[in-house]
Amino acid sequence: MSAKPSTKGDKRDGQGRFLPGTKGGSGNPYSKTINKLRGVLLQAVTEADMRDVVTALVDKAKSGDTMAIKILLDRVFGPSVAGDLFSRIEQLEKTITKG
């Protein structure tokens, strides 16, 4: 499955990468709207609101709600990468035994 990169109308090299001087795209057409909506959300949600939401999430996780546990762990430690788990554990063990 090594299809050759399309160079139709593009200024690309043999590996499909854009050549220097190639003009970029126009960006996300919805970014201004999304930024406005984020601003409204930030103004509407207080620090106390966030504490209440996080407390509710932690309480659900503690009661065994697996989706709450997943969300909490993903937010605290970042999403897990299944295939990388063993190599990460090995690296941590090496780091621990060195120190």
PDB file of N, CA and C in Angstrom:
ATOM      1  N   MET A   1       0.812  -1.201   0.000  1.00  0.00           N
ATOM      2  CA  MET A   1       0.000   0.000   0.000  1.00  0.00           C
ATOM      3  C   MET A   1       0.846   1.251   0.000  1.00  0.00           C
ATOM      4  N   SER A   2       1.794   1.323  -0.839  1.00  0.00           N
ATOM      5  CA  SER A   2       2.629   2.512  -0.907  1.00  0.00           C
ATOM      6  C   SER A   2       2.261   3.304  -2.148  1.00  0.00           C
ATOM      7  N   ALA A   3       1.064   3.900  -2.096  1.00  0.00           N
ATOM      8  CA  ALA A   3       0.601   4.706  -3.215  1.00  0.00           C
ATOM      9  C   ALA A   3       1.447   5.967  -3.307  1.00  0.00           C
ATOM     10  N   LYS A   4       1.726   6.377  -4.511  1.00  0.00           N
ATOM     11  CA  LYS A   4       2.535   7.563  -4.725  1.00  0.00           C
ATOM     12  C   LYS A   4       1.715   8.805  -4.354  1.00  0.00           C
ATOM     13  N   PRO A   5       2.289   9.744  -3.619  1.00  0.00           N
ATOM     14  CA  PRO A   5       1.548  10.949  -3.232  1.00  0.00           C
ATOM     15  C   PRO A   5       1.107  11.734  -4.462  1.00  0.00           C
ATOM     16  N   SER A   6      -0.077  12.277  -4.355  1.00  0.00           N
ATOM     17  CA  SER A   6      -0.614  13.073  -5.449  1.00  0.00           C
ATOM     18  C   SER A   6       0.135  14.398  -5.563  1.00  0.00           C
ATOM     19  N   THR A   7       0.512  14.729  -6.771  1.00  0.00           N
ATOM     20  CA  THR A   7       1.162  16.021  -7.002  1.00  0.00           C
ATOM     21  C   THR A   7       0.343  16.836  -7.993  1.00  0.00           C
ATOM     22  N   LYS A   8      -0.920  16.453  -8.161  1.00  0.00           N
ATOM     23  CA  LYS A   8      -1.797  17.120  -9.108  1.00  0.00           C
ATOM     24  C   LYS A   8      -2.002  18.586  -8.717  1.00  0.00           C
ATOM     25  N   GLY A   9      -1.415  19.493  -9.453  1.00  0.00           N
ATOM     26  CA  GLY A   9      -1.581  20.916  -9.205  1.00  0.00           C
ATOM     27  C   GLY A   9      -0.821  21.447  -8.009  1.00  0.00           C
ATOM     28  N   ASP A  10      -0.189  20.582  -7.236  1.00  0.00           N
ATOM     29  CA  ASP A  10       0.548  21.014  -6.056  1.00  0.00           C
ATOM     30  C   ASP A  10       2.027  21.174  -6.381  1.00  0.00           C
ATOM     31  N   LYS A  11       2.668  21.982  -5.613  1.00  0.00           N
ATOM     32  CA  LYS A  11       4.122  22.112  -5.703  1.00  0.00           C
ATOM     33  C   LYS A  11       4.699  21.260  -4.586  1.00  0.00           C
ATOM     34  N   ARG A  12       4.909  19.966  -4.902  1.00  0.00           N
ATOM     35  CA  ARG A  12       5.378  19.018  -3.898  1.00  0.00           C
ATOM     36  C   ARG A  12       6.618  18.299  -4.410  1.00  0.00           C
ATOM     37  N   ASP A  13       7.374  17.771  -3.461  1.00  0.00           N
ATOM     38  CA  ASP A  13       8.538  16.977  -3.846  1.00  0.00           C
ATOM     39  C   ASP A  13       8.099  15.533  -4.098  1.00  0.00           C
ATOM     40  N   GLY A  14       9.023  14.663  -4.357  1.00  0.00           N
ATOM     41  CA  GLY A  14       8.724  13.280  -4.673  1.00  0.00           C
ATOM     42  C   GLY A  14       8.090  12.496  -3.541  1.00  0.00           C
ATOM     43  N   GLN A  15       8.218  12.990  -2.295  1.00  0.00           N
ATOM     44  CA  GLN A  15       7.621  12.317  -1.140  1.00  0.00           C
ATOM     45  C   GLN A  15       6.294  12.944  -0.724  1.00  0.00           C
ATOM     46  N   GLY A  16       5.801  13.872  -1.529  1.00  0.00           N
ATOM     47  CA  GLY A  16       4.508  14.480  -1.250  1.00  0.00           C
ATOM     48  C   GLY A  16       4.552  15.684  -0.337  1.00  0.00           C
ATOM     49  N   ARG A  17       5.744  16.102   0.075  1.00  0.00           N
ATOM     50  CA  ARG A  17       5.862  17.266   0.967  1.00  0.00           C
ATOM     51  C   ARG A  17       5.796  18.549   0.146  1.00  0.00           C
ATOM     52  N   PHE A  18       5.211  19.567   0.731  1.00  0.00           N
ATOM     53  CA  PHE A  18       5.149  20.855   0.046  1.00  0.00           C
ATOM     54  C   PHE A  18       6.542  21.450  -0.079  1.00  0.00           C
ATOM     55  N   LEU A  19       6.796  22.050  -1.200  1.00  0.00           N
ATOM     56  CA  LEU A  19       8.079  22.706  -1.440  1.00  0.00           C
ATOM     57  C   LEU A  19       8.110  24.064  -0.760  1.00  0.00           C
ATOM     58  N   PRO A  20       9.295  24.576  -0.451  1.00  0.00           N
ATOM     59  CA  PRO A  20       9.394  25.910   0.144  1.00  0.00           C
ATOM     60  C   PRO A  20       8.723  26.945  -0.771  1.00  0.00           C
ATOM     61  N   GLY A  21       8.026  27.863  -0.136  1.00  0.00           N
ATOM     62  CA  GLY A  21       7.360  28.926  -0.879  1.00  0.00           C
ATOM     63  C   GLY A  21       5.934  28.593  -1.269  1.00  0.00           C
ATOM     64  N   THR A  22       5.479  27.369  -1.002  1.00  0.00           N
ATOM     65  CA  THR A  22       4.109  26.992  -1.324  1.00  0.00           C
ATOM     66  C   THR A  22       3.177  27.653  -0.328  1.00  0.00           C
ATOM     67  N   LYS A  23       2.161  28.338  -0.848  1.00  0.00           N
ATOM     68  CA  LYS A  23       1.226  29.069  -0.005  1.00  0.00           C
ATOM     69  C   LYS A  23       0.348  28.101   0.772  1.00  0.00           C
ATOM     70  N   GLY A  24       0.122  28.390   2.047  1.00  0.00           N
ATOM     71  CA  GLY A  24      -0.705  27.542   2.901  1.00  0.00           C
ATOM     72  C   GLY A  24      -2.183  27.745   2.636  1.00  0.00           C
ATOM     73  N   GLY A  25      -2.993  26.947   3.289  1.00  0.00           N
ATOM     74  CA  GLY A  25      -4.444  27.045   3.146  1.00  0.00           C
ATOM     75  C   GLY A  25      -5.000  28.229   3.906  1.00  0.00           C
ATOM     76  N   SER A  26      -6.302  28.409   3.771  1.00  0.00           N
ATOM     77  CA  SER A  26      -6.953  29.554   4.406  1.00  0.00           C
ATOM     78  C   SER A  26      -7.276  29.316   5.873  1.00  0.00           C
ATOM     79  N   GLY A  27      -7.083  28.106   6.360  1.00  0.00           N
ATOM     80  CA  GLY A  27      -7.343  27.815   7.769  1.00  0.00           C
ATOM     81  C   GLY A  27      -8.763  27.379   8.009  1.00  0.00           C
ATOM     82  N   ASN A  28      -9.136  27.293   9.265  1.00  0.00           N
ATOM     83  CA  ASN A  28     -10.459  26.826   9.659  1.00  0.00           C
ATOM     84  C   ASN A  28     -11.468  27.963   9.503  1.00  0.00           C
ATOM     85  N   PRO A  29     -12.485  27.779   8.672  1.00  0.00           N
ATOM     86  CA  PRO A  29     -13.460  28.857   8.466  1.00  0.00           C
ATOM     87  C   PRO A  29     -14.324  29.126   9.698  1.00  0.00           C
ATOM     88  N   TYR A  30     -14.342  28.198  10.655  1.00  0.00           N
ATOM     89  CA  TYR A  30     -15.183  28.359  11.840  1.00  0.00           C
ATOM     90  C   TYR A  30     -14.412  28.845  13.057  1.00  0.00           C
ATOM     91  N   SER A  31     -13.133  29.123  12.921  1.00  0.00           N
ATOM     92  CA  SER A  31     -12.325  29.450  14.094  1.00  0.00           C
ATOM     93  C   SER A  31     -12.795  30.708  14.814  1.00  0.00           C
ATOM     94  N   LYS A  32     -13.213  31.730  14.092  1.00  0.00           N
ATOM     95  CA  LYS A  32     -13.688  32.959  14.754  1.00  0.00           C
ATOM     96  C   LYS A  32     -14.946  32.686  15.560  1.00  0.00           C
ATOM     97  N   THR A  33     -15.866  31.916  14.985  1.00  0.00           N
ATOM     98  CA  THR A  33     -17.101  31.593  15.685  1.00  0.00           C
ATOM     99  C   THR A  33     -16.819  30.750  16.920  1.00  0.00           C
ATOM    100  N   ILE A  34     -15.956  29.773  16.784  1.00  0.00           N
ATOM    101  CA  ILE A  34     -15.611  28.907  17.913  1.00  0.00           C
ATOM    102  C   ILE A  34     -14.948  29.718  19.023  1.00  0.00           C
ATOM    103  N   ASN A  35     -14.063  30.623  18.662  1.00  0.00           N
ATOM    104  CA  ASN A  35     -13.412  31.464  19.675  1.00  0.00           C
ATOM    105  C   ASN A  35     -14.417  32.352  20.395  1.00  0.00           C
ATOM    106  N   LYS A  36     -15.407  32.863  19.678  1.00  0.00           N
ATOM    107  CA  LYS A  36     -16.453  33.668  20.319  1.00  0.00           C
ATOM    108  C   LYS A  36     -17.256  32.809  21.293  1.00  0.00           C
ATOM    109  N   LEU A  37     -17.604  31.597  20.868  1.00  0.00           N
ATOM    110  CA  LEU A  37     -18.370  30.700  21.740  1.00  0.00           C
ATOM    111  C   LEU A  37     -17.566  30.298  22.965  1.00  0.00           C
ATOM    112  N   ARG A  38     -16.279  30.067  22.791  1.00  0.00           N
ATOM    113  CA  ARG A  38     -15.427  29.750  23.948  1.00  0.00           C
ATOM    114  C   ARG A  38     -15.398  30.916  24.923  1.00  0.00           C
ATOM    115  N   GLY A  39     -15.344  32.122  24.393  1.00  0.00           N
ATOM    116  CA  GLY A  39     -15.353  33.305  25.256  1.00  0.00           C
ATOM    117  C   GLY A  39     -16.633  33.407  26.063  1.00  0.00           C
ATOM    118  N   VAL A  40     -17.758  33.123  25.415  1.00  0.00           N
ATOM    119  CA  VAL A  40     -19.053  33.140  26.119  1.00  0.00           C
ATOM    120  C   VAL A  40     -19.060  32.073  27.212  1.00  0.00           C
ATOM    121  N   LEU A  41     -18.557  30.883  26.889  1.00  0.00           N
ATOM    122  CA  LEU A  41     -18.506  29.802  27.868  1.00  0.00           C
ATOM    123  C   LEU A  41     -17.620  30.172  29.052  1.00  0.00           C
ATOM    124  N   LEU A  42     -16.461  30.743  28.769  1.00  0.00           N
ATOM    125  CA  LEU A  42     -15.552  31.139  29.854  1.00  0.00           C
ATOM    126  C   LEU A  42     -16.160  32.210  30.753  1.00  0.00           C
ATOM    127  N   GLN A  43     -16.964  33.093  30.175  1.00  0.00           N
ATOM    128  CA  GLN A  43     -17.614  34.126  30.981  1.00  0.00           C
ATOM    129  C   GLN A  43     -18.751  33.554  31.821  1.00  0.00           C
ATOM    130  N   ALA A  44     -19.406  32.498  31.305  1.00  0.00           N
ATOM    131  CA  ALA A  44     -20.566  31.938  31.994  1.00  0.00           C
ATOM    132  C   ALA A  44     -20.187  30.969  33.103  1.00  0.00           C
ATOM    133  N   VAL A  45     -19.048  30.304  32.982  1.00  0.00           N
ATOM    134  CA  VAL A  45     -18.656  29.281  33.947  1.00  0.00           C
ATOM    135  C   VAL A  45     -17.665  29.884  34.942  1.00  0.00           C
ATOM    136  N   THR A  46     -18.016  29.769  36.197  1.00  0.00           N
ATOM    137  CA  THR A  46     -17.147  30.315  37.235  1.00  0.00           C
ATOM    138  C   THR A  46     -16.188  29.242  37.740  1.00  0.00           C
ATOM    139  N   GLU A  47     -15.225  29.651  38.531  1.00  0.00           N
ATOM    140  CA  GLU A  47     -14.294  28.709  39.146  1.00  0.00           C
ATOM    141  C   GLU A  47     -15.054  27.748  40.059  1.00  0.00           C
ATOM    142  N   ALA A  48     -16.042  28.271  40.762  1.00  0.00           N
ATOM    143  CA  ALA A  48     -16.853  27.421  41.655  1.00  0.00           C
ATOM    144  C   ALA A  48     -17.633  26.388  40.837  1.00  0.00           C
ATOM    145  N   ASP A  49     -18.143  26.793  39.673  1.00  0.00           N
ATOM    146  CA  ASP A  49     -18.839  25.846  38.796  1.00  0.00           C
ATOM    147  C   ASP A  49     -17.902  24.703  38.389  1.00  0.00           C
ATOM    148  N   MET A  50     -16.684  25.043  38.021  1.00  0.00           N
ATOM    149  CA  MET A  50     -15.721  24.024  37.611  1.00  0.00           C
ATOM    150  C   MET A  50     -15.386  23.084  38.759  1.00  0.00           C
ATOM    151  N   ARG A  51     -15.236  23.656  39.970  1.00  0.00           N
ATOM    152  CA  ARG A  51     -14.973  22.806  41.131  1.00  0.00           C
ATOM    153  C   ARG A  51     -16.123  21.820  41.362  1.00  0.00           C
ATOM    154  N   ASP A  52     -17.357  22.317  41.215  1.00  0.00           N
ATOM    155  CA  ASP A  52     -18.527  21.450  41.400  1.00  0.00           C
ATOM    156  C   ASP A  52     -18.548  20.326  40.357  1.00  0.00           C
ATOM    157  N   VAL A  53     -18.246  20.662  39.116  1.00  0.00           N
ATOM    158  CA  VAL A  53     -18.247  19.664  38.042  1.00  0.00           C
ATOM    159  C   VAL A  53     -17.154  18.622  38.288  1.00  0.00           C
ATOM    160  N   VAL A  54     -15.969  19.082  38.643  1.00  0.00           N
ATOM    161  CA  VAL A  54     -14.860  18.152  38.896  1.00  0.00           C
ATOM    162  C   VAL A  54     -15.170  17.282  40.108  1.00  0.00           C
ATOM    163  N   THR A  55     -15.744  17.859  41.134  1.00  0.00           N
ATOM    164  CA  THR A  55     -16.123  17.089  42.321  1.00  0.00           C
ATOM    165  C   THR A  55     -17.145  16.022  41.957  1.00  0.00           C
ATOM    166  N   ALA A  56     -18.119  16.373  41.133  1.00  0.00           N
ATOM    167  CA  ALA A  56     -19.122  15.393  40.705  1.00  0.00           C
ATOM    168  C   ALA A  56     -18.472  14.271  39.894  1.00  0.00           C
ATOM    169  N   LEU A  57     -17.528  14.627  39.035  1.00  0.00           N
ATOM    170  CA  LEU A  57     -16.829  13.619  38.238  1.00  0.00           C
ATOM    171  C   LEU A  57     -16.026  12.679  39.135  1.00  0.00           C
ATOM    172  N   VAL A  58     -15.309  13.233  40.087  1.00  0.00           N
ATOM    173  CA  VAL A  58     -14.517  12.418  41.013  1.00  0.00           C
ATOM    174  C   VAL A  58     -15.434  11.517  41.835  1.00  0.00           C
ATOM    175  N   ASP A  59     -16.556  12.049  42.302  1.00  0.00           N
ATOM    176  CA  ASP A  59     -17.496  11.246  43.085  1.00  0.00           C
ATOM    177  C   ASP A  59     -18.032  10.072  42.267  1.00  0.00           C
ATOM    178  N   LYS A  60     -18.376  10.330  40.998  1.00  0.00           N
ATOM    179  CA  LYS A  60     -18.865   9.250  40.136  1.00  0.00           C
ATOM    180  C   LYS A  60     -17.779   8.200  39.918  1.00  0.00           C
ATOM    181  N   ALA A  61     -16.545   8.669  39.702  1.00  0.00           N
ATOM    182  CA  ALA A  61     -15.432   7.735  39.501  1.00  0.00           C
ATOM    183  C   ALA A  61     -15.224   6.883  40.753  1.00  0.00           C
ATOM    184  N   LYS A  62     -15.293   7.501  41.917  1.00  0.00           N
ATOM    185  CA  LYS A  62     -15.115   6.768  43.170  1.00  0.00           C
ATOM    186  C   LYS A  62     -16.219   5.734  43.394  1.00  0.00           C
ATOM    187  N   SER A  63     -17.412   6.014  42.877  1.00  0.00           N
ATOM    188  CA  SER A  63     -18.532   5.078  43.065  1.00  0.00           C
ATOM    189  C   SER A  63     -18.500   3.942  42.045  1.00  0.00           C
ATOM    190  N   GLY A  64     -17.511   3.971  41.138  1.00  0.00           N
ATOM    191  CA  GLY A  64     -17.349   2.856  40.209  1.00  0.00           C
ATOM    192  C   GLY A  64     -17.836   3.109  38.802  1.00  0.00           C
ATOM    193  N   ASP A  65     -18.266   4.312  38.487  1.00  0.00           N
ATOM    194  CA  ASP A  65     -18.707   4.637  37.129  1.00  0.00           C
ATOM    195  C   ASP A  65     -17.492   4.574  36.197  1.00  0.00           C
ATOM    196  N   THR A  66     -17.442   3.549  35.356  1.00  0.00           N
ATOM    197  CA  THR A  66     -16.249   3.329  34.531  1.00  0.00           C
ATOM    198  C   THR A  66     -16.007   4.456  33.526  1.00  0.00           C
ATOM    199  N   MET A  67     -17.057   5.049  33.001  1.00  0.00           N
ATOM    200  CA  MET A  67     -16.869   6.160  32.065  1.00  0.00           C
ATOM    201  C   MET A  67     -16.272   7.362  32.786  1.00  0.00           C
ATOM    202  N   ALA A  68     -16.722   7.625  34.001  1.00  0.00           N
ATOM    203  CA  ALA A  68     -16.161   8.721  34.791  1.00  0.00           C
ATOM    204  C   ALA A  68     -14.702   8.448  35.123  1.00  0.00           C
ATOM    205  N   ILE A  69     -14.389   7.179  35.435  1.00  0.00           N
ATOM    206  CA  ILE A  69     -12.998   6.814  35.718  1.00  0.00           C
ATOM    207  C   ILE A  69     -12.135   7.078  34.493  1.00  0.00           C
ATOM    208  N   LYS A  70     -12.614   6.639  33.317  1.00  0.00           N
ATOM    209  CA  LYS A  70     -11.855   6.839  32.080  1.00  0.00           C
ATOM    210  C   LYS A  70     -11.643   8.323  31.802  1.00  0.00           C
ATOM    211  N   ILE A  71     -12.692   9.113  31.913  1.00  0.00           N
ATOM    212  CA  ILE A  71     -12.587  10.552  31.660  1.00  0.00           C
ATOM    213  C   ILE A  71     -11.590  11.186  32.624  1.00  0.00           C
ATOM    214  N   LEU A  72     -11.708  10.839  33.892  1.00  0.00           N
ATOM    215  CA  LEU A  72     -10.822  11.414  34.904  1.00  0.00           C
ATOM    216  C   LEU A  72      -9.364  11.058  34.640  1.00  0.00           C
ATOM    217  N   LEU A  73      -9.095   9.778  34.394  1.00  0.00           N
ATOM    218  CA  LEU A  73      -7.719   9.360  34.129  1.00  0.00           C
ATOM    219  C   LEU A  73      -7.172   9.975  32.844  1.00  0.00           C
ATOM    220  N   ASP A  74      -8.004  10.044  31.799  1.00  0.00           N
ATOM    221  CA  ASP A  74      -7.569  10.666  30.540  1.00  0.00           C
ATOM    222  C   ASP A  74      -7.226  12.137  30.729  1.00  0.00           C
ATOM    223  N   ARG A  75      -7.999  12.819  31.552  1.00  0.00           N
ATOM    224  CA  ARG A  75      -7.747  14.248  31.770  1.00  0.00           C
ATOM    225  C   ARG A  75      -6.529  14.480  32.653  1.00  0.00           C
ATOM    226  N   VAL A  76      -6.312  13.598  33.602  1.00  0.00           N
ATOM    227  CA  VAL A  76      -5.186  13.775  34.515  1.00  0.00           C
ATOM    228  C   VAL A  76      -3.871  13.303  33.895  1.00  0.00           C
ATOM    229  N   PHE A  77      -3.897  12.113  33.274  1.00  0.00           N
ATOM    230  CA  PHE A  77      -2.663  11.509  32.763  1.00  0.00           C
ATOM    231  C   PHE A  77      -2.535  11.557  31.245  1.00  0.00           C
ATOM    232  N   GLY A  78      -3.577  11.984  30.559  1.00  0.00           N
ATOM    233  CA  GLY A  78      -3.581  11.951  29.101  1.00  0.00           C
ATOM    234  C   GLY A  78      -4.101  10.609  28.621  1.00  0.00           C
ATOM    235  N   PRO A  79      -4.627  10.574  27.399  1.00  0.00           N
ATOM    236  CA  PRO A  79      -5.180   9.319  26.891  1.00  0.00           C
ATOM    237  C   PRO A  79      -4.115   8.229  26.806  1.00  0.00           C
ATOM    238  N   SER A  80      -4.526   7.020  27.121  1.00  0.00           N
ATOM    239  CA  SER A  80      -3.582   5.908  27.077  1.00  0.00           C
ATOM    240  C   SER A  80      -3.354   5.468  25.634  1.00  0.00           C
ATOM    241  N   VAL A  81      -2.185   4.924  25.414  1.00  0.00           N
ATOM    242  CA  VAL A  81      -1.833   4.381  24.107  1.00  0.00           C
ATOM    243  C   VAL A  81      -1.574   2.901  24.338  1.00  0.00           C
ATOM    244  N   ALA A  82      -2.504   2.055  23.925  1.00  0.00           N
ATOM    245  CA  ALA A  82      -2.469   0.637  24.269  1.00  0.00           C
ATOM    246  C   ALA A  82      -1.172  -0.052  23.836  1.00  0.00           C
ATOM    247  N   GLY A  83      -0.751   0.140  22.616  1.00  0.00           N
ATOM    248  CA  GLY A  83       0.422  -0.552  22.113  1.00  0.00           C
ATOM    249  C   GLY A  83       1.717  -0.098  22.754  1.00  0.00           C
ATOM    250  N   ASP A  84       1.703   1.044  23.355  1.00  0.00           N
ATOM    251  CA  ASP A  84       2.903   1.638  23.915  1.00  0.00           C
ATOM    252  C   ASP A  84       3.045   1.345  25.410  1.00  0.00           C
ATOM    253  N   LEU A  85       2.070   0.722  26.003  1.00  0.00           N
ATOM    254  CA  LEU A  85       2.029   0.580  27.453  1.00  0.00           C
ATOM    255  C   LEU A  85       3.235  -0.179  28.004  1.00  0.00           C
ATOM    256  N   PHE A  86       3.551  -1.327  27.425  1.00  0.00           N
ATOM    257  CA  PHE A  86       4.649  -2.130  27.965  1.00  0.00           C
ATOM    258  C   PHE A  86       5.999  -1.430  27.822  1.00  0.00           C
ATOM    259  N   SER A  87       6.218  -0.771  26.688  1.00  0.00           N
ATOM    260  CA  SER A  87       7.493  -0.066  26.529  1.00  0.00           C
ATOM    261  C   SER A  87       7.585   1.112  27.502  1.00  0.00           C
ATOM    262  N   ARG A  88       6.459   1.742  27.784  1.00  0.00           N
ATOM    263  CA  ARG A  88       6.471   2.837  28.748  1.00  0.00           C
ATOM    264  C   ARG A  88       6.774   2.321  30.152  1.00  0.00           C
ATOM    265  N   ILE A  89       6.192   1.170  30.497  1.00  0.00           N
ATOM    266  CA  ILE A  89       6.446   0.577  31.812  1.00  0.00           C
ATOM    267  C   ILE A  89       7.923   0.191  31.935  1.00  0.00           C
ATOM    268  N   GLU A  90       8.465  -0.428  30.877  1.00  0.00           N
ATOM    269  CA  GLU A  90       9.880  -0.808  30.898  1.00  0.00           C
ATOM    270  C   GLU A  90      10.778   0.415  31.070  1.00  0.00           C
ATOM    271  N   GLN A  91      10.456   1.489  30.379  1.00  0.00           N
ATOM    272  CA  GLN A  91      11.244   2.712  30.490  1.00  0.00           C
ATOM    273  C   GLN A  91      11.172   3.277  31.903  1.00  0.00           C
ATOM    274  N   LEU A  92       9.977   3.262  32.489  1.00  0.00           N
ATOM    275  CA  LEU A  92       9.819   3.742  33.876  1.00  0.00           C
ATOM    276  C   LEU A  92      10.619   2.870  34.839  1.00  0.00           C
ATOM    277  N   GLU A  93      10.582   1.548  34.641  1.00  0.00           N
ATOM    278  CA  GLU A  93      11.351   0.660  35.514  1.00  0.00           C
ATOM    279  C   GLU A  93      12.851   0.931  35.411  1.00  0.00           C
ATOM    280  N   LYS A  94      13.323   1.178  34.198  1.00  0.00           N
ATOM    281  CA  LYS A  94      14.743   1.511  34.005  1.00  0.00           C
ATOM    282  C   LYS A  94      15.091   2.806  34.726  1.00  0.00           C
ATOM    283  N   THR A  95      14.196   3.783  34.613  1.00  0.00           N
ATOM    284  CA  THR A  95      14.431   5.075  35.255  1.00  0.00           C
ATOM    285  C   THR A  95      14.451   4.926  36.767  1.00  0.00           C
ATOM    286  N   ILE A  96      13.533   4.137  37.299  1.00  0.00           N
ATOM    287  CA  ILE A  96      13.420   3.938  38.746  1.00  0.00           C
ATOM    288  C   ILE A  96      14.665   3.216  39.275  1.00  0.00           C
ATOM    289  N   THR A  97      15.098   2.178  38.582  1.00  0.00           N
ATOM    290  CA  THR A  97      16.231   1.404  39.077  1.00  0.00           C
ATOM    291  C   THR A  97      17.543   2.171  38.974  1.00  0.00           C
ATOM    292  N   LYS A  98      17.627   3.139  38.062  1.00  0.00           N
ATOM    293  CA  LYS A  98      18.838   3.967  37.957  1.00  0.00           C
ATOM    294  C   LYS A  98      18.951   4.905  39.135  1.00  0.00           C
ATOM    295  N   GLY A  99      17.824   5.437  39.593  1.00  0.00           N
ATOM    296  CA  GLY A  99      17.837   6.457  40.637  1.00  0.00           C
ATOM    297  C   GLY A  99      17.946   5.865  41.964  1.00  0.00           C
TER     298      GLY A  99
END
